[in-house]
PDB file of N, CA and C in Angstrom:
ATOM      1  N   MET A   1      -1.533   8.231  -9.996  1.00  0.00           N
ATOM      2  CA  MET A   1      -0.668   7.959  -8.861  1.00  0.00           C
ATOM      3  C   MET A   1      -0.220   6.502  -8.938  1.00  0.00           C
ATOM      4  N   THR A   2       1.039   6.284  -8.683  1.00  0.00           N
ATOM      5  CA  THR A   2       1.562   4.918  -8.704  1.00  0.00           C
ATOM      6  C   THR A   2       1.341   4.251  -7.344  1.00  0.00           C
ATOM      7  N   PHE A   3       1.534   2.945  -7.322  1.00  0.00           N
ATOM      8  CA  PHE A   3       1.396   2.196  -6.075  1.00  0.00           C
ATOM      9  C   PHE A   3       2.395   2.702  -5.034  1.00  0.00           C
ATOM     10  N   SER A   4       3.644   2.908  -5.433  1.00  0.00           N
ATOM     11  CA  SER A   4       4.650   3.361  -4.475  1.00  0.00           C
ATOM     12  C   SER A   4       4.307   4.755  -3.930  1.00  0.00           C
ATOM     13  N   GLU A   5       3.801   5.626  -4.782  1.00  0.00           N
ATOM     14  CA  GLU A   5       3.378   6.951  -4.325  1.00  0.00           C
ATOM     15  C   GLU A   5       2.223   6.843  -3.333  1.00  0.00           C
ATOM     16  N   LYS A   6       1.317   5.914  -3.584  1.00  0.00           N
ATOM     17  CA  LYS A   6       0.179   5.708  -2.676  1.00  0.00           C
ATOM     18  C   LYS A   6       0.662   5.238  -1.308  1.00  0.00           C
ATOM     19  N   LEU A   7       1.637   4.322  -1.292  1.00  0.00           N
ATOM     20  CA  LEU A   7       2.176   3.852  -0.014  1.00  0.00           C
ATOM     21  C   LEU A   7       2.777   5.000   0.792  1.00  0.00           C
ATOM     22  N   ILE A   8       3.532   5.838   0.112  1.00  0.00           N
ATOM     23  CA  ILE A   8       4.150   6.977   0.789  1.00  0.00           C
ATOM     24  C   ILE A   8       3.077   7.924   1.315  1.00  0.00           C
ATOM     25  N   GLU A   9       2.071   8.200   0.498  1.00  0.00           N
ATOM     26  CA  GLU A   9       0.978   9.084   0.905  1.00  0.00           C
ATOM     27  C   GLU A   9       0.255   8.546   2.132  1.00  0.00           C
ATOM     28  N   LEU A  10      -0.081   7.263   2.116  1.00  0.00           N
ATOM     29  CA  LEU A  10      -0.788   6.652   3.243  1.00  0.00           C
ATOM     30  C   LEU A  10       0.055   6.695   4.516  1.00  0.00           C
ATOM     31  N   ARG A  11       1.325   6.359   4.386  1.00  0.00           N
ATOM     32  CA  ARG A  11       2.213   6.336   5.551  1.00  0.00           C
ATOM     33  C   ARG A  11       2.364   7.726   6.148  1.00  0.00           C
ATOM     34  N   LYS A  12       2.586   8.714   5.306  1.00  0.00           N
ATOM     35  CA  LYS A  12       2.773  10.074   5.812  1.00  0.00           C
ATOM     36  C   LYS A  12       1.484  10.632   6.408  1.00  0.00           C
ATOM     37  N   ALA A  13       0.348  10.312   5.810  1.00  0.00           N
ATOM     38  CA  ALA A  13      -0.940  10.772   6.351  1.00  0.00           C
ATOM     39  C   ALA A  13      -1.192  10.194   7.738  1.00  0.00           C
ATOM     40  N   ALA A  14      -0.673   8.993   7.975  1.00  0.00           N
ATOM     41  CA  ALA A  14      -0.834   8.351   9.280  1.00  0.00           C
ATOM     42  C   ALA A  14       0.293   8.721  10.245  1.00  0.00           C
ATOM     43  N   CYS A  15       1.224   9.577   9.786  1.00  0.00           N
ATOM     44  CA  CYS A  15       2.367  10.018  10.603  1.00  0.00           C
ATOM     45  C   CYS A  15       3.180   8.831  11.122  1.00  0.00           C
ATOM     46  N   LEU A  16       3.482   7.898  10.216  1.00  0.00           N
ATOM     47  CA  LEU A  16       4.232   6.701  10.572  1.00  0.00           C
ATOM     48  C   LEU A  16       5.584   6.687   9.879  1.00  0.00           C
ATOM     49  N   THR A  17       6.535   5.995  10.491  1.00  0.00           N
ATOM     50  CA  THR A  17       7.821   5.760   9.846  1.00  0.00           C
ATOM     51  C   THR A  17       7.708   4.514   8.980  1.00  0.00           C
ATOM     52  N   GLN A  18       8.694   4.299   8.133  1.00  0.00           N
ATOM     53  CA  GLN A  18       8.718   3.073   7.340  1.00  0.00           C
ATOM     54  C   GLN A  18       8.794   1.865   8.271  1.00  0.00           C
ATOM     55  N   GLN A  19       9.588   1.965   9.330  1.00  0.00           N
ATOM     56  CA  GLN A  19       9.738   0.869  10.284  1.00  0.00           C
ATOM     57  C   GLN A  19       8.408   0.536  10.949  1.00  0.00           C
ATOM     58  N   GLU A  20       7.662   1.535  11.380  1.00  0.00           N
ATOM     59  CA  GLU A  20       6.371   1.311  12.033  1.00  0.00           C
ATOM     60  C   GLU A  20       5.378   0.680  11.068  1.00  0.00           C
ATOM     61  N   THR A  21       5.393   1.144   9.843  1.00  0.00           N
ATOM     62  CA  THR A  21       4.478   0.606   8.837  1.00  0.00           C
ATOM     63  C   THR A  21       4.821  -0.848   8.526  1.00  0.00           C
ATOM     64  N   ALA A  22       6.093  -1.117   8.309  1.00  0.00           N
ATOM     65  CA  ALA A  22       6.525  -2.483   8.009  1.00  0.00           C
ATOM     66  C   ALA A  22       6.133  -3.424   9.145  1.00  0.00           C
ATOM     67  N   LYS A  23       6.428  -3.022  10.371  1.00  0.00           N
ATOM     68  CA  LYS A  23       6.105  -3.862  11.530  1.00  0.00           C
ATOM     69  C   LYS A  23       4.598  -4.082  11.653  1.00  0.00           C
ATOM     70  N   GLY A  24       3.828  -3.017  11.477  1.00  0.00           N
ATOM     71  CA  GLY A  24       2.373  -3.115  11.600  1.00  0.00           C
ATOM     72  C   GLY A  24       1.747  -4.018  10.552  1.00  0.00           C
ATOM     73  N   ALA A  25       2.355  -4.062   9.372  1.00  0.00           N
ATOM     74  CA  ALA A  25       1.828  -4.906   8.285  1.00  0.00           C
ATOM     75  C   ALA A  25       2.494  -6.276   8.255  1.00  0.00           C
ATOM     76  N   GLY A  26       3.430  -6.519   9.180  1.00  0.00           N
ATOM     77  CA  GLY A  26       4.092  -7.828   9.243  1.00  0.00           C
ATOM     78  C   GLY A  26       5.132  -8.036   8.149  1.00  0.00           C
ATOM     79  N   LEU A  27       5.799  -6.959   7.746  1.00  0.00           N
ATOM     80  CA  LEU A  27       6.792  -7.033   6.680  1.00  0.00           C
ATOM     81  C   LEU A  27       8.172  -6.669   7.214  1.00  0.00           C
ATOM     82  N   SER A  28       9.187  -7.042   6.472  1.00  0.00           N
ATOM     83  CA  SER A  28      10.528  -6.594   6.827  1.00  0.00           C
ATOM     84  C   SER A  28      10.669  -5.144   6.389  1.00  0.00           C
ATOM     85  N   LEU A  29      11.545  -4.415   7.059  1.00  0.00           N
ATOM     86  CA  LEU A  29      11.766  -3.020   6.687  1.00  0.00           C
ATOM     87  C   LEU A  29      12.276  -2.931   5.254  1.00  0.00           C
ATOM     88  N   ARG A  30      13.251  -3.754   4.901  1.00  0.00           N
ATOM     89  CA  ARG A  30      13.821  -3.722   3.553  1.00  0.00           C
ATOM     90  C   ARG A  30      12.758  -4.046   2.500  1.00  0.00           C
ATOM     91  N   GLY A  31      11.919  -5.026   2.773  1.00  0.00           N
ATOM     92  CA  GLY A  31      10.852  -5.372   1.838  1.00  0.00           C
ATOM     93  C   GLY A  31       9.896  -4.213   1.632  1.00  0.00           C
ATOM     94  N   TYR A  32       9.502  -3.581   2.735  1.00  0.00           N
ATOM     95  CA  TYR A  32       8.597  -2.442   2.629  1.00  0.00           C
ATOM     96  C   TYR A  32       9.244  -1.300   1.858  1.00  0.00           C
ATOM     97  N   GLN A  33      10.507  -1.031   2.147  1.00  0.00           N
ATOM     98  CA  GLN A  33      11.209   0.043   1.439  1.00  0.00           C
ATOM     99  C   GLN A  33      11.267  -0.227  -0.066  1.00  0.00           C
ATOM    100  N   ASN A  34      11.454  -1.468  -0.433  1.00  0.00           N
ATOM    101  CA  ASN A  34      11.466  -1.819  -1.857  1.00  0.00           C
ATOM    102  C   ASN A  34      10.132  -1.497  -2.524  1.00  0.00           C
ATOM    103  N   TYR A  35       9.027  -1.668  -1.822  1.00  0.00           N
ATOM    104  CA  TYR A  35       7.713  -1.338  -2.370  1.00  0.00           C
ATOM    105  C   TYR A  35       7.560   0.179  -2.499  1.00  0.00           C
ATOM    106  N   GLU A  36       7.989   0.911  -1.479  1.00  0.00           N
ATOM    107  CA  GLU A  36       7.881   2.376  -1.528  1.00  0.00           C
ATOM    108  C   GLU A  36       8.749   2.975  -2.626  1.00  0.00           C
ATOM    109  N   HIS A  37       9.897   2.376  -2.865  1.00  0.00           N
ATOM    110  CA  HIS A  37      10.816   2.898  -3.886  1.00  0.00           C
ATOM    111  C   HIS A  37      10.485   2.371  -5.278  1.00  0.00           C
ATOM    112  N   GLY A  38       9.486   1.523  -5.378  1.00  0.00           N
ATOM    113  CA  GLY A  38       9.083   0.993  -6.672  1.00  0.00           C
ATOM    114  C   GLY A  38      10.035  -0.037  -7.243  1.00  0.00           C
ATOM    115  N   LEU A  39      10.865  -0.631  -6.396  1.00  0.00           N
ATOM    116  CA  LEU A  39      11.826  -1.629  -6.851  1.00  0.00           C
ATOM    117  C   LEU A  39      11.218  -3.012  -6.977  1.00  0.00           C
ATOM    118  N   ARG A  40      10.149  -3.256  -6.221  1.00  0.00           N
ATOM    119  CA  ARG A  40       9.461  -4.554  -6.257  1.00  0.00           C
ATOM    120  C   ARG A  40       7.965  -4.328  -6.183  1.00  0.00           C
ATOM    121  N   GLU A  41       7.227  -5.284  -6.728  1.00  0.00           N
ATOM    122  CA  GLU A  41       5.766  -5.282  -6.634  1.00  0.00           C
ATOM    123  C   GLU A  41       5.361  -6.379  -5.659  1.00  0.00           C
ATOM    124  N   PRO A  42       4.501  -6.069  -4.694  1.00  0.00           N
ATOM    125  CA  PRO A  42       4.119  -7.072  -3.699  1.00  0.00           C
ATOM    126  C   PRO A  42       3.184  -8.130  -4.261  1.00  0.00           C
ATOM    127  N   LYS A  43       3.249  -9.296  -3.639  1.00  0.00           N
ATOM    128  CA  LYS A  43       2.327 -10.377  -3.975  1.00  0.00           C
ATOM    129  C   LYS A  43       1.012 -10.134  -3.225  1.00  0.00           C
ATOM    130  N   ILE A  44       0.001 -10.887  -3.612  1.00  0.00           N
ATOM    131  CA  ILE A  44      -1.352 -10.709  -3.056  1.00  0.00           C
ATOM    132  C   ILE A  44      -1.383 -10.711  -1.525  1.00  0.00           C
ATOM    133  N   PRO A  45      -0.742 -11.653  -0.830  1.00  0.00           N
ATOM    134  CA  PRO A  45      -0.819 -11.616   0.638  1.00  0.00           C
ATOM    135  C   PRO A  45      -0.263 -10.329   1.244  1.00  0.00           C
ATOM    136  N   VAL A  46       0.750  -9.763   0.625  1.00  0.00           N
ATOM    137  CA  VAL A  46       1.317  -8.504   1.116  1.00  0.00           C
ATOM    138  C   VAL A  46       0.347  -7.356   0.847  1.00  0.00           C
ATOM    139  N   LEU A  47      -0.269  -7.353  -0.314  1.00  0.00           N
ATOM    140  CA  LEU A  47      -1.264  -6.327  -0.614  1.00  0.00           C
ATOM    141  C   LEU A  47      -2.403  -6.370   0.397  1.00  0.00           C
ATOM    142  N   ILE A  48      -2.852  -7.565   0.711  1.00  0.00           N
ATOM    143  CA  ILE A  48      -3.936  -7.721   1.690  1.00  0.00           C
ATOM    144  C   ILE A  48      -3.495  -7.212   3.053  1.00  0.00           C
ATOM    145  N   ALA A  49      -2.276  -7.546   3.465  1.00  0.00           N
ATOM    146  CA  ALA A  49      -1.762  -7.088   4.762  1.00  0.00           C
ATOM    147  C   ALA A  49      -1.691  -5.567   4.816  1.00  0.00           C
ATOM    148  N   LEU A  50      -1.237  -4.937   3.734  1.00  0.00           N
ATOM    149  CA  LEU A  50      -1.156  -3.479   3.703  1.00  0.00           C
ATOM    150  C   LEU A  50      -2.543  -2.841   3.697  1.00  0.00           C
ATOM    151  N   ALA A  51      -3.457  -3.390   2.922  1.00  0.00           N
ATOM    152  CA  ALA A  51      -4.820  -2.860   2.900  1.00  0.00           C
ATOM    153  C   ALA A  51      -5.475  -2.998   4.274  1.00  0.00           C
ATOM    154  N   ASP A  52      -5.285  -4.135   4.915  1.00  0.00           N
ATOM    155  CA  ASP A  52      -5.822  -4.334   6.261  1.00  0.00           C
ATOM    156  C   ASP A  52      -5.191  -3.350   7.253  1.00  0.00           C
ATOM    157  N   PHE A  53      -3.884  -3.160   7.142  1.00  0.00           N
ATOM    158  CA  PHE A  53      -3.176  -2.254   8.045  1.00  0.00           C
ATOM    159  C   PHE A  53      -3.747  -0.838   7.948  1.00  0.00           C
ATOM    160  N   TYR A  54      -4.004  -0.374   6.738  1.00  0.00           N
ATOM    161  CA  TYR A  54      -4.544   0.971   6.535  1.00  0.00           C
ATOM    162  C   TYR A  54      -6.070   1.015   6.537  1.00  0.00           C
ATOM    163  N   ASP A  55      -6.708  -0.146   6.664  1.00  0.00           N
ATOM    164  CA  ASP A  55      -8.169  -0.252   6.693  1.00  0.00           C
ATOM    165  C   ASP A  55      -8.797   0.370   5.444  1.00  0.00           C
ATOM    166  N   ILE A  56      -8.251  -0.031   4.290  1.00  0.00           N
ATOM    167  CA  ILE A  56      -8.771   0.425   3.004  1.00  0.00           C
ATOM    168  C   ILE A  56      -8.950  -0.779   2.088  1.00  0.00           C
ATOM    169  N   SER A  57      -9.637  -0.574   0.981  1.00  0.00           N
ATOM    170  CA  SER A  57      -9.839  -1.668   0.025  1.00  0.00           C
ATOM    171  C   SER A  57      -8.578  -1.886  -0.798  1.00  0.00           C
ATOM    172  N   LEU A  58      -8.475  -3.062  -1.379  1.00  0.00           N
ATOM    173  CA  LEU A  58      -7.353  -3.338  -2.282  1.00  0.00           C
ATOM    174  C   LEU A  58      -7.392  -2.388  -3.475  1.00  0.00           C
ATOM    175  N   ASP A  59      -8.580  -2.092  -3.988  1.00  0.00           N
ATOM    176  CA  ASP A  59      -8.698  -1.163  -5.107  1.00  0.00           C
ATOM    177  C   ASP A  59      -8.096   0.196  -4.760  1.00  0.00           C
ATOM    178  N   GLU A  60      -8.412   0.690  -3.582  1.00  0.00           N
ATOM    179  CA  GLU A  60      -7.874   1.983  -3.172  1.00  0.00           C
ATOM    180  C   GLU A  60      -6.352   1.908  -3.005  1.00  0.00           C
ATOM    181  N   LEU A  61      -5.878   0.821  -2.430  1.00  0.00           N
ATOM    182  CA  LEU A  61      -4.443   0.650  -2.208  1.00  0.00           C
ATOM    183  C   LEU A  61      -3.661   0.672  -3.512  1.00  0.00           C
ATOM    184  N   VAL A  62      -4.174   0.020  -4.526  1.00  0.00           N
ATOM    185  CA  VAL A  62      -3.438  -0.071  -5.795  1.00  0.00           C
ATOM    186  C   VAL A  62      -3.877   0.997  -6.794  1.00  0.00           C
ATOM    187  N   CYS A  63      -4.632   1.994  -6.313  1.00  0.00           N
ATOM    188  CA  CYS A  63      -5.047   3.138  -7.133  1.00  0.00           C
ATOM    189  C   CYS A  63      -5.892   2.711  -8.324  1.00  0.00           C
ATOM    190  N   ARG A  64      -6.734   1.723  -8.123  1.00  0.00           N
ATOM    191  CA  ARG A  64      -7.592   1.234  -9.197  1.00  0.00           C
ATOM    192  C   ARG A  64      -8.862   2.051  -9.242  1.00  0.00           C
ATOM    193  N   GLU A  65      -9.188   2.537 -10.415  1.00  0.00           N
ATOM    194  CA  GLU A  65     -10.424   3.279 -10.618  1.00  0.00           C
ATOM    195  C   GLU A  65     -11.333   2.453 -11.510  1.00  0.00           C
ATOM    196  N   TRP A  66     -12.597   2.455 -11.172  1.00  0.00           N
ATOM    197  CA  TRP A  66     -13.579   1.718 -11.961  1.00  0.00           C
ATOM    198  C   TRP A  66     -13.846   2.453 -13.270  1.00  0.00           C
ATOM    199  N   PRO A  67     -14.033   1.697 -14.358  1.00  0.00           N
ATOM    200  CA  PRO A  67     -14.394   2.341 -15.615  1.00  0.00           C
ATOM    201  C   PRO A  67     -15.748   3.031 -15.478  1.00  0.00           C
ATOM    202  N   LYS A  68     -15.934   4.114 -16.199  1.00  0.00           N
ATOM    203  CA  LYS A  68     -17.218   4.828 -16.138  1.00  0.00           C
ATOM    204  C   LYS A  68     -18.338   3.897 -16.564  1.00  0.00           C
ATOM    205  N   GLY A  69     -19.420   3.926 -15.785  1.00  0.00           N
ATOM    206  CA  GLY A  69     -20.574   3.100 -16.085  1.00  0.00           C
ATOM    207  C   GLY A  69     -20.532   1.725 -15.438  1.00  0.00           C
ATOM    208  N   ALA A  70     -19.397   1.314 -14.898  1.00  0.00           N
ATOM    209  CA  ALA A  70     -19.273  -0.006 -14.289  1.00  0.00           C
ATOM    210  C   ALA A  70     -19.900  -0.065 -12.905  1.00  0.00           C
ATOM    211  N   GLU A  71     -20.082   1.094 -12.263  1.00  0.00           N
ATOM    212  CA  GLU A  71     -20.633   1.124 -10.917  1.00  0.00           C
ATOM    213  C   GLU A  71     -22.152   1.012 -10.905  1.00  0.00           C
ATOM    214  N   GLU A  72     -22.773   1.190 -12.033  1.00  0.00           N
ATOM    215  CA  GLU A  72     -24.243   1.207 -12.090  1.00  0.00           C
ATOM    216  C   GLU A  72     -24.810  -0.180 -12.073  1.00  0.00           C
TER     217      GLU A  72
END
């Protein structure tokens, strides 16, 4: 799953519009739409704001999976 797909999945699961999500994370609507459409990659502060908004880890937000054996 790509980052943009994850954003769409999270937003739809929360039954939010792009406008509501952008406002809740402190972003402009156009900026948020660019992330959902995969036109831009967010900088660290934006990633943190989105992770905080959805109450998830940065790893989960960016679809990062740990290599096998790294969790032990």
